[in-house]
Amino acid sequence: MISRLTSVSSYRSGPPRFGRRPHNIDTSVKKYQLTPEQLERYCNGEKLDDILKEAKEMEQQKPKVIAYAKYEEVVAERDELKKQLEELKANIAPEDDNGIEWLKREAIHAHKLLTEKEKELEQLRELFETAMSDKERLHKENLLLENQIQRLKEANDELTAKNERYFADLMRLEQEVKGLRLYALQKLHIDVYGA
């Protein structure tokens, strides 16, 4: 009897089995945002589907009311614009000559401004061209000066090398003179005093 309690059947050993058929379970999460009134109704036990259905019906009725109010607003604006247009037509008819004169003055003024701007543009263009020619001239001068500097550096290097050679020759000649003086002194000493 003890062995029977301690033994585990082969069906129960191994990983859990869930069957071979696919499970059509909807794992998506649905989110609802309820107003405080709807939440209170839901807490009182009313079904969520009924609350949402009623909210959807209210949403469908709302745009019609908004659309009609917007229509009335647009009609009122149209009527007001028609009145303003009629007033403008009435005001413009006697002052037609003044309007043409005003347009002529504006055209003359605009033409004057245009000619002034063209003159300014021409002056700026001339300044730009002179600046560009000066830039090219200065660039050429700069190249000539750079070449001259390069030639002077090369001449300086040559003179430095000559100076070093002459200095080395001078040192060598001074050593030779020193040696000849010593030789002459010894020769004189031997000739005078004898060996």
Protein backbone atom coordinates (compact mmCIF):
# COMPACT_ATOMS: atom_id res chain seq x y z
CA MET A 1 0.00 0.00 0.00
CA ILE A 2 2.80 2.39 0.70
CA SER A 3 4.35 1.72 -2.65
CA ARG A 4 1.10 2.52 -4.35
CA LEU A 5 0.91 5.96 -2.72
CA THR A 6 4.48 6.86 -3.55
CA SER A 7 4.41 5.78 -7.16
CA VAL A 8 3.47 8.35 -9.88
CA SER A 9 1.67 7.24 -12.98
CA SER A 10 3.39 7.75 -16.33
CA TYR A 11 0.51 10.01 -17.43
CA ARG A 12 1.30 12.49 -14.68
CA SER A 13 5.09 12.51 -15.20
CA GLY A 14 6.66 14.86 -17.74
CA PRO A 15 5.53 18.28 -18.96
CA PRO A 16 1.88 19.31 -18.69
CA ARG A 17 -0.33 18.44 -21.64
CA PHE A 18 -2.79 20.93 -23.12
CA GLY A 19 -4.08 18.95 -26.04
CA ARG A 20 -3.38 19.14 -29.73
CA ARG A 21 -6.27 21.32 -30.93
CA PRO A 22 -5.61 25.06 -31.29
CA HIS A 23 -7.32 27.24 -28.70
CA ASN A 24 -9.21 30.19 -30.14
CA ILE A 25 -8.87 32.44 -27.15
CA ASP A 26 -8.96 36.22 -27.67
CA THR A 27 -5.93 37.51 -25.76
CA SER A 28 -6.38 41.15 -26.77
CA VAL A 29 -7.03 43.66 -24.02
CA LYS A 30 -9.94 46.02 -24.44
CA LYS A 31 -9.76 49.37 -22.75
CA TYR A 32 -12.82 51.39 -21.85
CA GLN A 33 -12.87 54.95 -20.60
CA LEU A 34 -16.00 55.64 -18.64
CA THR A 35 -17.25 58.96 -17.44
CA PRO A 36 -17.85 59.25 -13.68
CA GLU A 37 -21.61 58.81 -14.25
CA GLN A 38 -21.07 55.67 -16.35
CA LEU A 39 -18.66 54.29 -13.74
CA GLU A 40 -21.25 54.86 -11.03
CA ARG A 41 -23.87 53.02 -13.09
CA TYR A 42 -21.41 50.15 -13.63
CA CYS A 43 -20.71 49.99 -9.88
CA ASN A 44 -24.47 49.84 -9.23
CA GLY A 45 -24.60 46.60 -11.25
CA GLU A 46 -25.62 47.75 -14.72
CA LYS A 47 -24.03 45.75 -17.55
CA LEU A 48 -21.06 47.32 -19.34
CA ASP A 49 -22.49 46.46 -22.79
CA ASP A 50 -25.70 48.40 -22.02
CA ILE A 51 -23.75 51.44 -20.80
CA LEU A 52 -21.50 51.44 -23.91
CA LYS A 53 -24.44 50.89 -26.28
CA GLU A 54 -26.26 53.87 -24.80
CA ALA A 55 -23.08 56.03 -25.04
CA LYS A 56 -22.70 55.06 -28.72
CA GLU A 57 -26.28 56.06 -29.46
CA MET A 58 -25.69 59.44 -27.80
CA GLU A 59 -22.54 59.96 -29.91
CA GLN A 60 -24.47 59.28 -33.11
CA GLN A 61 -27.13 61.83 -32.22
CA LYS A 62 -24.67 64.54 -31.19
CA PRO A 63 -23.06 65.36 -34.61
CA LYS A 64 -26.45 66.10 -36.16
CA VAL A 65 -27.11 68.78 -33.57
CA ILE A 66 -23.61 70.25 -33.98
CA ALA A 67 -23.92 70.18 -37.77
CA TYR A 68 -27.22 72.12 -37.70
CA ALA A 69 -25.78 74.72 -35.31
CA LYS A 70 -22.78 75.11 -37.58
CA TYR A 71 -25.11 75.50 -40.58
CA GLU A 72 -26.98 78.33 -38.84
CA GLU A 73 -23.67 80.02 -37.98
CA VAL A 74 -22.47 79.82 -41.59
CA VAL A 75 -25.78 81.20 -42.89
CA ALA A 76 -25.55 84.15 -40.46
CA GLU A 77 -21.96 84.88 -41.60
CA ARG A 78 -23.06 84.69 -45.25
CA ASP A 79 -25.87 87.17 -44.68
CA GLU A 80 -23.51 89.55 -42.88
CA LEU A 81 -20.96 89.31 -45.71
CA LYS A 82 -23.70 90.05 -48.27
CA LYS A 83 -24.64 93.20 -46.33
CA GLN A 84 -21.00 94.31 -46.20
CA LEU A 85 -20.63 93.69 -49.95
CA GLU A 86 -23.71 95.78 -50.72
CA GLU A 87 -22.40 98.60 -48.52
CA LEU A 88 -19.03 98.50 -50.29
CA LYS A 89 -20.68 98.60 -53.69
CA ALA A 90 -22.74 101.58 -52.63
CA ASN A 91 -19.66 103.40 -51.28
CA ILE A 92 -17.43 102.60 -54.28
CA ALA A 93 -19.79 103.74 -57.03
CA PRO A 94 -19.53 107.53 -56.42
CA GLU A 95 -15.82 107.36 -55.52
CA ASP A 96 -14.81 105.39 -58.63
CA ASP A 97 -12.66 108.23 -60.01
CA ASN A 98 -10.88 108.64 -56.68
CA GLY A 99 -10.10 104.91 -56.63
CA ILE A 100 -8.54 105.08 -60.09
CA GLU A 101 -6.48 108.14 -59.10
CA TRP A 102 -5.34 106.34 -55.98
CA LEU A 103 -4.32 103.30 -58.04
CA LYS A 104 -2.39 105.56 -60.43
CA ARG A 105 -0.56 107.20 -57.53
CA GLU A 106 0.26 103.78 -56.06
CA ALA A 107 1.55 102.58 -59.45
CA ILE A 108 3.78 105.68 -59.82
CA HIS A 109 5.06 105.23 -56.28
CA ALA A 110 5.74 101.54 -56.91
CA HIS A 111 7.60 102.42 -60.13
CA LYS A 112 9.75 104.96 -58.26
CA LEU A 113 10.58 102.37 -55.61
CA LEU A 114 11.45 99.86 -58.32
CA THR A 115 13.85 102.27 -60.09
CA GLU A 116 15.49 103.15 -56.74
CA LYS A 117 15.98 99.48 -55.95
CA GLU A 118 17.40 98.87 -59.44
CA LYS A 119 19.90 101.72 -58.90
CA GLU A 120 20.88 100.28 -55.53
CA LEU A 121 21.27 96.87 -57.13
CA GLU A 122 23.49 98.32 -59.87
CA GLN A 123 25.67 100.08 -57.28
CA LEU A 124 25.96 96.89 -55.26
CA ARG A 125 26.83 94.96 -58.42
CA GLU A 126 29.60 97.48 -59.22
CA LEU A 127 30.91 97.26 -55.66
CA PHE A 128 30.88 93.49 -55.89
CA GLU A 129 32.77 93.51 -59.19
CA THR A 130 35.42 95.90 -57.83
CA ALA A 131 35.73 93.79 -54.69
CA MET A 132 36.19 90.65 -56.82
CA SER A 133 38.84 92.35 -59.01
CA ASP A 134 40.63 93.59 -55.86
CA LYS A 135 40.44 90.07 -54.46
CA GLU A 136 42.01 88.62 -57.62
CA ARG A 137 44.73 91.31 -57.65
CA LEU A 138 45.51 90.72 -53.96
CA HIS A 139 45.57 86.97 -54.55
CA LYS A 140 48.16 87.43 -57.33
CA GLU A 141 50.22 89.75 -55.12
CA ASN A 142 49.99 87.20 -52.32
CA LEU A 143 51.30 84.46 -54.63
CA LEU A 144 54.18 86.71 -55.77
CA LEU A 145 55.07 87.51 -52.16
CA GLU A 146 54.91 83.83 -51.20
CA ASN A 147 57.28 83.01 -54.08
CA GLN A 148 59.61 85.82 -53.01
CA ILE A 149 59.56 84.56 -49.41
CA GLN A 150 60.39 81.06 -50.65
CA ARG A 151 63.35 82.38 -52.69
CA LEU A 152 64.58 84.41 -49.69
CA LYS A 153 64.34 81.34 -47.44
CA GLU A 154 66.36 79.32 -49.96
CA ALA A 155 68.97 82.12 -50.21
CA ASN A 156 69.08 82.30 -46.40
CA ASP A 157 69.65 78.53 -46.22
CA GLU A 158 72.46 78.78 -48.78
CA LEU A 159 74.11 81.66 -46.90
CA THR A 160 73.79 79.79 -43.59
CA ALA A 161 75.44 76.74 -45.15
CA LYS A 162 78.27 78.93 -46.59
CA ASN A 163 78.70 80.62 -43.21
CA GLU A 164 79.01 77.23 -41.49
CA ARG A 165 81.57 76.07 -44.09
CA TYR A 166 83.59 79.28 -43.72
CA PHE A 167 83.47 78.99 -39.95
CA ALA A 168 84.69 75.40 -40.15
CA ASP A 169 87.50 76.50 -42.52
CA LEU A 170 88.40 79.33 -40.14
CA MET A 171 88.62 76.95 -37.19
CA ARG A 172 90.76 74.52 -39.23
CA LEU A 173 93.06 77.33 -40.39
CA GLU A 174 93.40 78.70 -36.85
CA GLN A 175 94.45 75.21 -35.71
CA GLU A 176 97.00 75.03 -38.51
CA VAL A 177 98.36 78.52 -37.64
CA LYS A 178 98.61 77.52 -34.01
CA GLY A 179 100.47 74.35 -34.99
CA LEU A 180 102.81 76.29 -37.31
CA ARG A 181 103.53 78.82 -34.57
CA LEU A 182 104.42 76.01 -32.17
CA TYR A 183 106.65 74.43 -34.82
CA ALA A 184 108.30 77.76 -35.56
CA LEU A 185 108.86 78.37 -31.84
CA GLN A 186 110.44 74.96 -31.36
CA LYS A 187 112.61 75.39 -34.48
CA LEU A 188 113.75 78.80 -33.22
CA HIS A 189 114.46 77.36 -29.80
CA ILE A 190 116.56 74.56 -31.31
CA ASP A 191 118.43 76.96 -33.60
CA VAL A 192 119.13 79.42 -30.78
CA TYR A 193 119.91 77.08 -27.95
CA GLY A 194 120.85 74.02 -29.87
CA ALA A 195 119.57 70.62 -29.31
